[in-house]
Amino acid sequence: MILPIYTDKHDILRQKTEPITEITPEIRQLAEDMRTTMHNAHGVGLAAPQVGKSVALTVIELVDEDPDFSIPHLALINPRVTWTGKRKVPMEEGCLSIPGVEGIVYRPDKVRVKALDLDGNHVEIECAGLLARVLQHEIDHLNGILFTSYLTKKQLRTRPLTDYPRY
């Protein structure tokens, strides 16, 4: 099911989420609905607060013709960054919850993230590049931080709007 994507006018996007203590059928369904919603909006990541749920869940996926640029489907429960590389690199970011806005954000080029998958297995991901960027962006959402927090108003640019359900 496609869920409405909450925009930055909603306080839920600025609140720290609650950890998930039990992986229920509802959590699995939420992850699947978030994946469908993310695909519909042409995003590469989506955090639960963006669909109005204050739980520590994010989904990430990028299907690209170039397999080196693709990111396999990830559903991560209670993810946390446990290590970052020392070098910060700039990259343009946007957000499904802040339609029509983008800006250059400096983030660590490498990260290590620990989380649970939907089966309750512990996972550890060490990565660089786009996946590292997306993980940091989505984990920020779970901590109530928007990418615009890293930028001044002068650094923000507008972009063409994408039509997807927003709340």
C-alpha atoms as a PDB file:
ATOM      1  CA  MET A   1       0.000   0.000   0.000  1.00  0.00           C
ATOM      2  CA  ILE A   2       1.249   3.484  -0.830  1.00  0.00           C
ATOM      3  CA  LEU A   3       1.396   5.651   2.288  1.00  0.00           C
ATOM      4  CA  PRO A   4       1.266   9.451   2.409  1.00  0.00           C
ATOM      5  CA  ILE A   5       4.685  11.034   2.894  1.00  0.00           C
ATOM      6  CA  TYR A   6       4.764  13.593   5.698  1.00  0.00           C
ATOM      7  CA  THR A   7       6.335  16.941   4.846  1.00  0.00           C
ATOM      8  CA  ASP A   8       8.579  19.037   7.045  1.00  0.00           C
ATOM      9  CA  LYS A   9       5.622  20.944   8.508  1.00  0.00           C
ATOM     10  CA  HIS A  10       4.927  17.890  10.723  1.00  0.00           C
ATOM     11  CA  ASP A  11       6.633  17.727  14.126  1.00  0.00           C
ATOM     12  CA  ILE A  12       7.087  13.939  13.896  1.00  0.00           C
ATOM     13  CA  LEU A  13      10.000  14.565  11.527  1.00  0.00           C
ATOM     14  CA  ARG A  14      11.861  16.445  14.263  1.00  0.00           C
ATOM     15  CA  GLN A  15      11.373  13.863  17.010  1.00  0.00           C
ATOM     16  CA  LYS A  16      13.601  10.954  17.984  1.00  0.00           C
ATOM     17  CA  THR A  17      11.898   7.642  17.222  1.00  0.00           C
ATOM     18  CA  GLU A  18      11.169   4.815  19.635  1.00  0.00           C
ATOM     19  CA  PRO A  19      13.241   1.643  19.270  1.00  0.00           C
ATOM     20  CA  ILE A  20      11.424  -1.422  17.993  1.00  0.00           C
ATOM     21  CA  THR A  21      11.389  -4.081  20.723  1.00  0.00           C
ATOM     22  CA  GLU A  22       9.440  -6.771  18.873  1.00  0.00           C
ATOM     23  CA  ILE A  23       9.279  -7.553  15.161  1.00  0.00           C
ATOM     24  CA  THR A  24       5.573  -8.073  14.594  1.00  0.00           C
ATOM     25  CA  PRO A  25       3.583  -8.720  11.425  1.00  0.00           C
ATOM     26  CA  GLU A  26       2.618  -5.020  11.589  1.00  0.00           C
ATOM     27  CA  ILE A  27       6.284  -3.981  11.506  1.00  0.00           C
ATOM     28  CA  ARG A  28       6.929  -6.272   8.541  1.00  0.00           C
ATOM     29  CA  GLN A  29       3.877  -4.839   6.752  1.00  0.00           C
ATOM     30  CA  LEU A  30       5.012  -1.292   7.528  1.00  0.00           C
ATOM     31  CA  ALA A  31       8.419  -2.081   5.989  1.00  0.00           C
ATOM     32  CA  GLU A  32       6.755  -3.448   2.850  1.00  0.00           C
ATOM     33  CA  ASP A  33       4.404  -0.450   2.592  1.00  0.00           C
ATOM     34  CA  MET A  34       7.363   1.893   3.050  1.00  0.00           C
ATOM     35  CA  ARG A  35       9.227   0.116   0.244  1.00  0.00           C
ATOM     36  CA  THR A  36       6.218   0.478  -2.067  1.00  0.00           C
ATOM     37  CA  THR A  37       5.846   4.142  -1.080  1.00  0.00           C
ATOM     38  CA  MET A  38       9.558   4.805  -1.654  1.00  0.00           C
ATOM     39  CA  HIS A  39       9.441   3.220  -5.130  1.00  0.00           C
ATOM     40  CA  ASN A  40       6.313   5.174  -6.020  1.00  0.00           C
ATOM     41  CA  ALA A  41       8.038   8.429  -5.041  1.00  0.00           C
ATOM     42  CA  HIS A  42      11.272   7.465  -6.858  1.00  0.00           C
ATOM     43  CA  GLY A  43      13.297   7.649  -3.639  1.00  0.00           C
ATOM     44  CA  VAL A  44      16.272   5.573  -2.530  1.00  0.00           C
ATOM     45  CA  GLY A  45      15.485   5.619   1.187  1.00  0.00           C
ATOM     46  CA  LEU A  46      12.556   6.189   3.501  1.00  0.00           C
ATOM     47  CA  ALA A  47      12.355   6.339   7.290  1.00  0.00           C
ATOM     48  CA  ALA A  48       9.244   5.512   9.315  1.00  0.00           C
ATOM     49  CA  PRO A  49       8.690   9.099  10.564  1.00  0.00           C
ATOM     50  CA  GLN A  50       8.302  10.140   6.927  1.00  0.00           C
ATOM     51  CA  VAL A  51       5.114   8.069   6.812  1.00  0.00           C
ATOM     52  CA  GLY A  52       3.925   9.201  10.238  1.00  0.00           C
ATOM     53  CA  LYS A  53       5.296   6.356  12.372  1.00  0.00           C
ATOM     54  CA  SER A  54       7.675   7.173  15.228  1.00  0.00           C
ATOM     55  CA  VAL A  55       9.575   3.877  15.185  1.00  0.00           C
ATOM     56  CA  ALA A  56      13.213   3.161  14.302  1.00  0.00           C
ATOM     57  CA  LEU A  57      12.725   1.556  10.894  1.00  0.00           C
ATOM     58  CA  THR A  58      14.132   2.508   7.527  1.00  0.00           C
ATOM     59  CA  VAL A  59      14.094   0.990   4.057  1.00  0.00           C
ATOM     60  CA  ILE A  60      16.692   1.586   1.355  1.00  0.00           C
ATOM     61  CA  GLU A  61      16.931   0.391  -2.234  1.00  0.00           C
ATOM     62  CA  LEU A  62      18.190   1.632  -5.570  1.00  0.00           C
ATOM     63  CA  VAL A  63      17.707  -0.386  -8.733  1.00  0.00           C
ATOM     64  CA  ASP A  64      19.933   0.913 -11.507  1.00  0.00           C
ATOM     65  CA  GLU A  65      20.994  -0.383 -14.906  1.00  0.00           C
ATOM     66  CA  ASP A  66      24.593  -0.189 -13.691  1.00  0.00           C
ATOM     67  CA  PRO A  67      24.976  -2.919 -11.024  1.00  0.00           C
ATOM     68  CA  ASP A  68      27.853  -0.962  -9.441  1.00  0.00           C
ATOM     69  CA  PHE A  69      25.423   1.877  -8.699  1.00  0.00           C
ATOM     70  CA  SER A  70      22.560  -0.321  -7.419  1.00  0.00           C
ATOM     71  CA  ILE A  71      21.805  -0.781  -3.724  1.00  0.00           C
ATOM     72  CA  PRO A  72      20.064  -4.011  -2.684  1.00  0.00           C
ATOM     73  CA  HIS A  73      16.849  -3.805  -0.688  1.00  0.00           C
ATOM     74  CA  LEU A  74      17.539  -3.186   2.998  1.00  0.00           C
ATOM     75  CA  ALA A  75      14.993  -2.964   5.802  1.00  0.00           C
ATOM     76  CA  LEU A  76      16.817  -1.931   8.962  1.00  0.00           C
ATOM     77  CA  ILE A  77      15.428  -1.918  12.483  1.00  0.00           C
ATOM     78  CA  ASN A  78      17.029   0.268  15.163  1.00  0.00           C
ATOM     79  CA  PRO A  79      20.001   1.160  12.940  1.00  0.00           C
ATOM     80  CA  ARG A  80      22.839   3.128  14.445  1.00  0.00           C
ATOM     81  CA  VAL A  81      26.118   4.428  13.087  1.00  0.00           C
ATOM     82  CA  THR A  82      28.965   2.861  15.062  1.00  0.00           C
ATOM     83  CA  TRP A  83      31.896   4.307  13.101  1.00  0.00           C
ATOM     84  CA  THR A  84      32.521   6.977  10.483  1.00  0.00           C
ATOM     85  CA  GLY A  85      35.451   7.671   8.216  1.00  0.00           C
ATOM     86  CA  LYS A  86      37.463  10.805   8.897  1.00  0.00           C
ATOM     87  CA  ARG A  87      37.041  12.329   5.447  1.00  0.00           C
ATOM     88  CA  LYS A  88      33.842  14.278   4.761  1.00  0.00           C
ATOM     89  CA  VAL A  89      32.680  14.587   1.181  1.00  0.00           C
ATOM     90  CA  PRO A  90      30.101  16.876  -0.406  1.00  0.00           C
ATOM     91  CA  MET A  91      27.081  15.534  -2.237  1.00  0.00           C
ATOM     92  CA  GLU A  92      23.782  16.999  -3.258  1.00  0.00           C
ATOM     93  CA  GLU A  93      20.896  15.771  -1.135  1.00  0.00           C
ATOM     94  CA  GLY A  94      17.163  16.086  -1.328  1.00  0.00           C
ATOM     95  CA  CYS A  95      14.381  14.524   0.688  1.00  0.00           C
ATOM     96  CA  LEU A  96      10.941  13.136  -0.078  1.00  0.00           C
ATOM     97  CA  SER A  97       9.654  15.041   2.968  1.00  0.00           C
ATOM     98  CA  ILE A  98      11.042  18.366   1.762  1.00  0.00           C
ATOM     99  CA  PRO A  99       9.783  18.499  -1.811  1.00  0.00           C
ATOM    100  CA  GLY A 100      11.448  20.875  -4.199  1.00  0.00           C
ATOM    101  CA  VAL A 101      14.523  21.574  -2.028  1.00  0.00           C
ATOM    102  CA  GLU A 102      18.097  20.324  -2.262  1.00  0.00           C
ATOM    103  CA  GLY A 103      21.553  21.302  -1.105  1.00  0.00           C
ATOM    104  CA  ILE A 104      25.158  20.159  -0.815  1.00  0.00           C
ATOM    105  CA  VAL A 105      25.746  18.295   2.465  1.00  0.00           C
ATOM    106  CA  TYR A 106      29.152  17.209   3.765  1.00  0.00           C
ATOM    107  CA  ARG A 107      29.065  13.756   5.371  1.00  0.00           C
ATOM    108  CA  PRO A 108      31.661  11.120   6.245  1.00  0.00           C
ATOM    109  CA  ASP A 109      32.610   9.112   3.159  1.00  0.00           C
ATOM    110  CA  LYS A 110      32.503   5.778   5.016  1.00  0.00           C
ATOM    111  CA  VAL A 111      30.312   4.378   7.773  1.00  0.00           C
ATOM    112  CA  ARG A 112      29.668   1.256   9.771  1.00  0.00           C
ATOM    113  CA  VAL A 113      26.062   0.650  10.792  1.00  0.00           C
ATOM    114  CA  LYS A 114      24.612  -1.982  13.126  1.00  0.00           C
ATOM    115  CA  ALA A 115      20.934  -2.915  13.003  1.00  0.00           C
ATOM    116  CA  LEU A 116      18.468  -5.777  12.961  1.00  0.00           C
ATOM    117  CA  ASP A 117      16.844  -7.138   9.825  1.00  0.00           C
ATOM    118  CA  LEU A 118      13.168  -8.109   9.613  1.00  0.00           C
ATOM    119  CA  ASP A 119      14.006 -11.617  10.849  1.00  0.00           C
ATOM    120  CA  GLY A 120      15.659 -10.259  13.993  1.00  0.00           C
ATOM    121  CA  ASN A 121      19.185 -11.056  12.794  1.00  0.00           C
ATOM    122  CA  HIS A 122      21.994  -8.688  13.737  1.00  0.00           C
ATOM    123  CA  VAL A 123      23.509  -7.058  10.672  1.00  0.00           C
ATOM    124  CA  GLU A 124      26.580  -4.903  10.296  1.00  0.00           C
ATOM    125  CA  ILE A 125      27.159  -2.881   7.155  1.00  0.00           C
ATOM    126  CA  GLU A 126      30.429  -1.153   6.394  1.00  0.00           C
ATOM    127  CA  CYS A 127      30.246   0.893   3.241  1.00  0.00           C
ATOM    128  CA  ALA A 128      31.237   3.993   1.334  1.00  0.00           C
ATOM    129  CA  GLY A 129      29.752   6.124  -1.416  1.00  0.00           C
ATOM    130  CA  LEU A 130      26.045   6.462  -2.046  1.00  0.00           C
ATOM    131  CA  LEU A 131      24.997   3.736   0.398  1.00  0.00           C
ATOM    132  CA  ALA A 132      26.962   5.424   3.206  1.00  0.00           C
ATOM    133  CA  ARG A 133      25.277   8.705   2.341  1.00  0.00           C
ATOM    134  CA  VAL A 134      21.760   7.235   2.263  1.00  0.00           C
ATOM    135  CA  LEU A 135      22.273   5.349   5.533  1.00  0.00           C
ATOM    136  CA  GLN A 136      23.371   8.538   7.293  1.00  0.00           C
ATOM    137  CA  HIS A 137      20.467  10.523   5.844  1.00  0.00           C
ATOM    138  CA  GLU A 138      17.869   7.922   6.899  1.00  0.00           C
ATOM    139  CA  ILE A 139      19.357   7.359  10.368  1.00  0.00           C
ATOM    140  CA  ASP A 140      19.278  11.136  10.832  1.00  0.00           C
ATOM    141  CA  HIS A 141      15.515  10.952  10.182  1.00  0.00           C
ATOM    142  CA  LEU A 142      15.196   8.409  12.997  1.00  0.00           C
ATOM    143  CA  ASN A 143      16.900  10.918  15.286  1.00  0.00           C
ATOM    144  CA  GLY A 144      14.694  13.835  14.251  1.00  0.00           C
ATOM    145  CA  ILE A 145      17.323  15.476  12.037  1.00  0.00           C
ATOM    146  CA  LEU A 146      16.552  16.749   8.527  1.00  0.00           C
ATOM    147  CA  PHE A 147      19.272  17.283   5.914  1.00  0.00           C
ATOM    148  CA  THR A 148      18.405  20.979   5.916  1.00  0.00           C
ATOM    149  CA  SER A 149      19.777  21.172   9.483  1.00  0.00           C
ATOM    150  CA  TYR A 150      23.267  21.013   7.965  1.00  0.00           C
ATOM    151  CA  LEU A 151      22.667  23.957   5.642  1.00  0.00           C
ATOM    152  CA  THR A 152      21.944  27.649   5.761  1.00  0.00           C
ATOM    153  CA  LYS A 153      18.924  28.986   3.882  1.00  0.00           C
ATOM    154  CA  LYS A 154      21.358  30.512   1.397  1.00  0.00           C
ATOM    155  CA  GLN A 155      22.744  27.036   0.592  1.00  0.00           C
ATOM    156  CA  LEU A 156      19.325  25.567  -0.263  1.00  0.00           C
ATOM    157  CA  ARG A 157      18.169  25.392  -3.881  1.00  0.00           C
ATOM    158  CA  THR A 158      14.811  24.592  -5.368  1.00  0.00           C
ATOM    159  CA  ARG A 159      14.275  21.779  -7.850  1.00  0.00           C
ATOM    160  CA  PRO A 160      11.310  20.610  -9.906  1.00  0.00           C
ATOM    161  CA  LEU A 161       8.627  18.956  -7.794  1.00  0.00           C
ATOM    162  CA  THR A 162       7.817  15.288  -8.131  1.00  0.00           C
ATOM    163  CA  ASP A 163       4.170  14.353  -7.833  1.00  0.00           C
ATOM    164  CA  TYR A 164       3.605  11.803  -5.077  1.00  0.00           C
ATOM    165  CA  PRO A 165       1.125  11.614  -2.193  1.00  0.00           C
ATOM    166  CA  ARG A 166       2.141  14.044   0.560  1.00  0.00           C
ATOM    167  CA  TYR A 167       0.513  14.786   3.860  1.00  0.00           C
END
